[in-house]
Amino acid sequence: MEGGSSSISPIATNRLQGKVAFITGGASGIGAATAKVFVHHGAKVVIADVQDDLGRSVCDEISSSVGGGADISYVRCDVTSDSDVEAAINATILKHGNLDIAYGNAGVTGNPDPSILGINKDFFNKVFAVNVYGCFLVAKHAARVMIPAKKGSIIFTSSDASVNHSGVHHDYVASKYAVVGLTKNLSVELGAHGIRVNCVSPYAVASPMRLNVMRMKEEDVEKVYSEAGNLKGVILKAEDVAETVMYLGSDESKYVSGLNLVIDGGYSLTNVSVMNHFKAMMSSG
């Protein structure tokens, strides 16, 4: 799990005491960091992924980090499969008796060719199957359990690409916009049952997926995005996103629903194109 020496804030503990959480894409990156934060704050966690060895090792690592007393387990789940997600949610209920937080976090990157002329249909469909349909299925099967209980928090991972142009591939951007739309629509329907639906849209995190795409070391990726970011002196870590997800899953956000919570240090508010062009003109003149 990346993040190195990042520590969890000791200011408030047990903010999720007794809650049961289900996390897709929980074997690495933001999902694994969220599982760790959730467990640290008292939640019982089931992580779902297709990376079996990594998923089990994350459970062991998190359990060891809290002295072996963590209630965390792994279940294999392909988020593009209705039956897989249904079975994973059922396994969570069977183990813990209820479900308080469902976090649809699993995601994949876009087509290798970023051009609209070069996008491959099969790859496009895969991106939407994981990034959008996967979230839809998590919400569908979580709602099946949460509606009778008249409570619950459903959270998705979108991206700052949903609010800002960052040169990201079209299929990925479209999928993340779709996640925001799904969040807002679901919040209206499920609000009648006491269920909150929100999503987080983080700026670049040096997750395994991003490192693989950029083929760079973690510290180099962080340096690039830190220098390009708006908020200086701070590097966005997976743990920071996890803390935000915890807020949305906790009772501290009990009246927050339909929100796309952007975690980008104000990056989406900046547009330096004119200034950069002006500086280029001055230097060349």
Protein backbone atom coordinates (compact mmCIF):
# COMPACT_ATOMS: atom_id res chain seq x y z
CA MET A 1 0.00 0.00 0.00
CA GLU A 2 1.47 3.33 -1.00
CA GLY A 3 1.72 6.37 1.19
CA GLY A 4 4.86 5.43 3.13
CA SER A 5 5.11 7.32 6.38
CA SER A 6 1.71 9.02 6.14
CA SER A 7 -0.01 8.86 9.51
CA ILE A 8 -3.67 8.88 10.49
CA SER A 9 -4.70 11.92 12.52
CA PRO A 10 -5.11 11.10 16.23
CA ILE A 11 -7.41 14.08 16.80
CA ALA A 12 -10.63 12.06 16.68
CA THR A 13 -10.91 8.28 16.87
CA ASN A 14 -13.70 5.73 16.56
CA ARG A 15 -15.69 7.97 14.23
CA LEU A 16 -17.07 4.84 12.53
CA GLN A 17 -17.44 2.70 15.63
CA GLY A 18 -19.75 -0.26 14.99
CA LYS A 19 -20.37 0.59 11.33
CA VAL A 20 -20.04 -2.04 8.59
CA ALA A 21 -18.35 -0.94 5.37
CA PHE A 22 -17.97 -2.55 1.95
CA ILE A 23 -15.21 -1.23 -0.35
CA THR A 24 -14.58 -2.19 -3.98
CA GLY A 25 -11.10 -1.79 -5.39
CA GLY A 26 -9.93 -2.26 -1.82
CA ALA A 27 -6.73 -4.18 -2.52
CA SER A 28 -4.61 -1.15 -3.41
CA GLY A 29 -4.45 2.61 -3.74
CA ILE A 30 -7.28 4.73 -2.37
CA GLY A 31 -9.38 1.67 -1.57
CA ALA A 32 -6.71 0.08 0.62
CA ALA A 33 -5.97 3.40 2.33
CA THR A 34 -9.70 3.84 3.03
CA ALA A 35 -9.95 0.34 4.50
CA LYS A 36 -7.09 1.20 6.86
CA VAL A 37 -8.67 4.49 7.95
CA PHE A 38 -12.08 2.85 8.40
CA VAL A 39 -10.67 0.07 10.58
CA HIS A 40 -8.64 2.58 12.61
CA HIS A 41 -11.90 4.38 13.38
CA GLY A 42 -13.78 1.30 14.51
CA ALA A 43 -15.50 0.01 11.36
CA LYS A 44 -15.88 -3.61 10.33
CA VAL A 45 -14.65 -3.75 6.73
CA VAL A 46 -15.03 -6.07 3.76
CA ILE A 47 -12.79 -5.24 0.82
CA ALA A 48 -13.67 -6.51 -2.64
CA ASP A 49 -11.29 -6.81 -5.57
CA VAL A 50 -10.00 -9.19 -8.23
CA GLN A 51 -6.42 -9.08 -6.90
CA ASP A 52 -6.75 -12.00 -4.49
CA ASP A 53 -3.22 -12.23 -3.07
CA LEU A 54 -2.92 -8.47 -2.71
CA GLY A 55 -6.36 -8.19 -1.13
CA ARG A 56 -5.60 -10.80 1.51
CA SER A 57 -2.21 -9.27 2.21
CA VAL A 58 -3.79 -5.84 2.73
CA CYS A 59 -6.19 -7.38 5.25
CA ASP A 60 -3.28 -8.99 7.10
CA GLU A 61 -1.29 -5.74 7.04
CA ILE A 62 -4.17 -3.66 8.38
CA SER A 63 -5.01 -6.21 11.04
CA SER A 64 -1.38 -6.23 12.19
CA SER A 65 -1.28 -2.43 12.29
CA VAL A 66 -3.97 -2.38 14.99
CA GLY A 67 -2.58 -5.24 17.01
CA GLY A 68 -4.44 -8.04 15.24
CA GLY A 69 -7.85 -6.97 16.49
CA ALA A 70 -9.20 -5.61 13.21
CA ASP A 71 -12.40 -6.99 11.75
CA ILE A 72 -11.43 -6.88 8.08
CA SER A 73 -11.86 -9.51 5.39
CA TYR A 74 -11.48 -9.94 1.65
CA VAL A 75 -13.94 -11.20 -0.96
CA ARG A 76 -13.28 -11.67 -4.65
CA CYS A 77 -15.59 -9.50 -6.75
CA ASP A 78 -15.62 -8.40 -10.38
CA VAL A 79 -17.59 -5.13 -10.20
CA THR A 80 -18.79 -5.55 -13.79
CA SER A 81 -20.67 -8.70 -12.78
CA ASP A 82 -24.12 -8.27 -11.23
CA SER A 83 -23.94 -11.69 -9.60
CA ASP A 84 -20.45 -11.03 -8.18
CA VAL A 85 -21.47 -7.75 -6.55
CA GLU A 86 -24.68 -9.29 -5.24
CA ALA A 87 -22.73 -12.20 -3.75
CA ALA A 88 -20.14 -9.88 -2.19
CA ILE A 89 -22.81 -7.72 -0.54
CA ASN A 90 -24.63 -10.87 0.62
CA ALA A 91 -21.37 -12.17 2.12
CA THR A 92 -20.95 -8.88 3.97
CA ILE A 93 -24.46 -9.11 5.42
CA LEU A 94 -23.99 -12.77 6.33
CA LYS A 95 -20.77 -11.95 8.19
CA HIS A 96 -21.81 -8.72 9.91
CA GLY A 97 -25.61 -8.58 9.87
CA ASN A 98 -25.95 -5.15 8.26
CA LEU A 99 -24.37 -2.61 5.92
CA ASP A 100 -23.80 1.05 6.77
CA ILE A 101 -21.31 2.22 4.13
CA ALA A 102 -20.89 1.06 0.54
CA TYR A 103 -17.91 2.59 -1.26
CA GLY A 104 -17.73 2.04 -5.04
CA ASN A 105 -14.07 2.79 -5.65
CA ALA A 106 -12.89 0.30 -8.29
CA GLY A 107 -11.74 1.99 -11.48
CA VAL A 108 -9.56 1.70 -14.57
CA THR A 109 -7.82 4.22 -16.80
CA GLY A 110 -8.79 5.25 -20.30
CA ASN A 111 -7.88 4.09 -23.79
CA PRO A 112 -4.13 4.06 -24.56
CA ASP A 113 -4.79 6.30 -27.58
CA PRO A 114 -6.25 9.59 -26.26
CA SER A 115 -7.47 10.78 -29.67
CA ILE A 116 -11.19 10.69 -30.44
CA LEU A 117 -10.20 9.08 -33.74
CA GLY A 118 -8.17 6.39 -32.04
CA ILE A 119 -10.44 5.29 -29.20
CA ASN A 120 -11.16 1.59 -29.30
CA LYS A 121 -14.79 0.56 -28.73
CA ASP A 122 -13.95 -2.47 -26.61
CA PHE A 123 -11.66 -0.46 -24.35
CA PHE A 124 -14.28 2.30 -24.08
CA ASN A 125 -16.88 -0.25 -23.01
CA LYS A 126 -14.48 -1.71 -20.43
CA VAL A 127 -13.88 1.73 -18.88
CA PHE A 128 -17.61 2.33 -18.54
CA ALA A 129 -18.25 -1.21 -17.31
CA VAL A 130 -15.82 -0.80 -14.40
CA ASN A 131 -16.06 2.92 -13.63
CA VAL A 132 -19.79 3.46 -14.09
CA TYR A 133 -21.64 0.14 -14.16
CA GLY A 134 -19.50 -1.05 -11.24
CA CYS A 135 -20.69 1.90 -9.15
CA PHE A 136 -24.25 1.33 -10.30
CA LEU A 137 -24.14 -2.30 -9.13
CA VAL A 138 -22.68 -1.35 -5.76
CA ALA A 139 -25.52 1.14 -5.28
CA LYS A 140 -28.14 -1.32 -6.51
CA HIS A 141 -27.20 -4.09 -4.10
CA ALA A 142 -26.38 -1.76 -1.21
CA ALA A 143 -29.78 -0.08 -1.62
CA ARG A 144 -31.45 -3.50 -1.47
CA VAL A 145 -30.13 -3.78 2.08
CA MET A 146 -30.23 -0.14 3.13
CA ILE A 147 -33.79 0.70 2.05
CA PRO A 148 -35.44 -1.58 4.64
CA ALA A 149 -33.03 -0.21 7.29
CA LYS A 150 -33.89 3.37 6.21
CA LYS A 151 -30.29 4.49 6.55
CA GLY A 152 -26.89 4.17 4.93
CA SER A 153 -24.16 5.99 3.05
CA ILE A 154 -23.19 5.19 -0.54
CA ILE A 155 -19.98 6.77 -1.83
CA PHE A 156 -18.25 6.66 -5.22
CA THR A 157 -14.83 7.68 -6.48
CA SER A 158 -15.05 10.11 -9.37
CA SER A 159 -12.14 12.38 -10.36
CA ASP A 160 -11.14 16.01 -10.64
CA ALA A 161 -11.45 15.26 -14.36
CA SER A 162 -15.21 15.61 -13.76
CA VAL A 163 -14.79 19.34 -13.12
CA ASN A 164 -11.62 20.28 -14.94
CA HIS A 165 -9.81 19.61 -18.22
CA SER A 166 -6.51 17.90 -17.42
CA GLY A 167 -5.72 16.34 -20.77
CA VAL A 168 -7.19 13.03 -19.61
CA HIS A 169 -8.54 10.52 -22.12
CA HIS A 170 -12.12 11.04 -23.31
CA ASP A 171 -13.50 7.69 -22.17
CA TYR A 172 -12.15 8.13 -18.64
CA VAL A 173 -13.47 11.70 -18.38
CA ALA A 174 -16.90 10.67 -19.67
CA SER A 175 -17.06 7.83 -17.17
CA LYS A 176 -16.22 10.10 -14.25
CA TYR A 177 -18.83 12.67 -15.31
CA ALA A 178 -21.29 9.78 -15.42
CA VAL A 179 -20.40 8.83 -11.84
CA VAL A 180 -21.21 12.38 -10.71
CA GLY A 181 -24.54 12.24 -12.54
CA LEU A 182 -25.33 8.86 -11.00
CA THR A 183 -24.49 10.27 -7.56
CA LYS A 184 -26.88 13.17 -7.92
CA ASN A 185 -29.72 11.11 -9.37
CA LEU A 186 -29.44 8.39 -6.76
CA SER A 187 -29.32 10.90 -3.92
CA VAL A 188 -32.79 12.10 -4.92
CA GLU A 189 -34.36 8.64 -5.12
CA LEU A 190 -32.64 7.17 -2.07
CA GLY A 191 -32.99 10.26 0.08
CA ALA A 192 -36.62 9.25 0.60
CA HIS A 193 -35.29 6.16 2.38
CA GLY A 194 -32.78 7.99 4.58
CA ILE A 195 -29.83 6.95 2.41
CA ARG A 196 -27.13 9.45 1.48
CA VAL A 197 -25.20 9.26 -1.82
CA ASN A 198 -22.03 11.25 -2.46
CA CYS A 199 -18.82 11.02 -4.45
CA VAL A 200 -15.25 12.26 -4.10
CA SER A 201 -13.22 13.75 -6.94
CA PRO A 202 -9.54 13.75 -6.05
CA TYR A 203 -6.64 15.46 -7.79
CA ALA A 204 -3.81 13.15 -8.84
CA VAL A 205 -2.70 10.57 -6.27
CA ALA A 206 0.39 8.43 -6.83
CA SER A 207 -1.66 5.23 -6.77
CA PRO A 208 -0.41 1.96 -8.32
CA MET A 209 -2.73 2.56 -11.29
CA ARG A 210 -1.25 6.00 -11.97
CA LEU A 211 2.33 4.81 -11.45
CA ASN A 212 1.72 2.04 -13.96
CA VAL A 213 0.33 4.45 -16.56
CA MET A 214 3.04 7.08 -16.10
CA ARG A 215 5.86 4.56 -15.62
CA MET A 216 7.45 6.76 -13.00
CA LYS A 217 8.46 6.37 -9.35
CA GLU A 218 6.03 7.48 -6.65
CA GLU A 219 8.15 10.43 -5.56
CA ASP A 220 8.54 11.63 -9.17
CA VAL A 221 4.79 11.48 -9.82
CA GLU A 222 4.11 13.37 -6.61
CA LYS A 223 6.70 16.00 -7.53
CA VAL A 224 5.11 16.59 -10.95
CA TYR A 225 1.58 17.00 -9.61
CA SER A 226 2.64 18.94 -6.55
CA GLU A 227 4.44 21.50 -8.70
CA ALA A 228 1.49 21.70 -11.09
CA GLY A 229 -1.05 21.94 -8.28
CA ASN A 230 -2.58 25.09 -6.87
CA LEU A 231 -2.08 24.44 -3.14
CA LYS A 232 1.65 24.56 -2.51
CA GLY A 233 3.55 22.75 0.22
CA VAL A 234 1.09 19.85 0.32
CA ILE A 235 1.16 16.51 -1.46
CA LEU A 236 -2.16 14.72 -1.88
CA LYS A 237 -1.91 11.16 -0.56
CA ALA A 238 -4.33 8.24 -0.80
CA GLU A 239 -4.81 8.60 2.97
CA ASP A 240 -6.08 12.15 2.50
CA VAL A 241 -8.77 10.94 0.13
CA ALA A 242 -9.57 8.14 2.58
CA GLU A 243 -10.10 10.66 5.39
CA THR A 244 -12.58 12.52 3.18
CA VAL A 245 -14.42 9.30 2.34
CA MET A 246 -14.58 8.55 6.06
CA TYR A 247 -16.25 11.91 6.66
CA LEU A 248 -18.91 11.08 4.08
CA GLY A 249 -19.45 7.67 5.67
CA SER A 250 -19.64 8.99 9.22
CA ASP A 251 -22.51 10.61 11.09
CA GLU A 252 -20.62 13.90 10.89
CA SER A 253 -22.00 14.27 7.37
CA LYS A 254 -25.51 13.11 8.26
CA TYR A 255 -27.19 15.82 6.14
CA VAL A 256 -24.73 15.77 3.23
CA SER A 257 -26.06 14.08 0.10
CA GLY A 258 -25.78 14.57 -3.66
CA LEU A 259 -22.33 16.14 -3.26
CA ASN A 260 -19.35 15.80 -5.57
CA LEU A 261 -16.64 16.61 -3.02
CA VAL A 262 -13.64 17.84 -5.00
CA ILE A 263 -10.28 17.22 -3.30
CA ASP A 264 -7.94 19.23 -5.46
CA GLY A 265 -6.56 22.11 -3.40
CA GLY A 266 -8.35 24.59 -5.66
CA TYR A 267 -6.73 23.27 -8.85
CA SER A 268 -10.03 23.20 -10.77
CA LEU A 269 -10.44 26.93 -10.12
CA THR A 270 -7.21 27.85 -11.89
CA ASN A 271 -6.64 28.64 -15.53
CA VAL A 272 -3.10 29.72 -16.27
CA SER A 273 -3.31 29.47 -20.06
CA VAL A 274 -3.47 33.23 -20.71
CA MET A 275 -0.66 34.00 -18.24
CA ASN A 276 1.58 31.29 -19.69
CA HIS A 277 0.93 32.56 -23.20
CA PHE A 278 1.68 36.12 -22.11
CA LYS A 279 4.96 35.05 -20.46
CA ALA A 280 5.95 33.13 -23.58
CA MET A 281 5.29 36.20 -25.73
CA MET A 282 7.36 38.43 -23.45
CA SER A 283 10.31 36.03 -23.34
CA SER A 284 10.32 35.60 -27.10
CA GLY A 285 9.97 39.31 -27.78
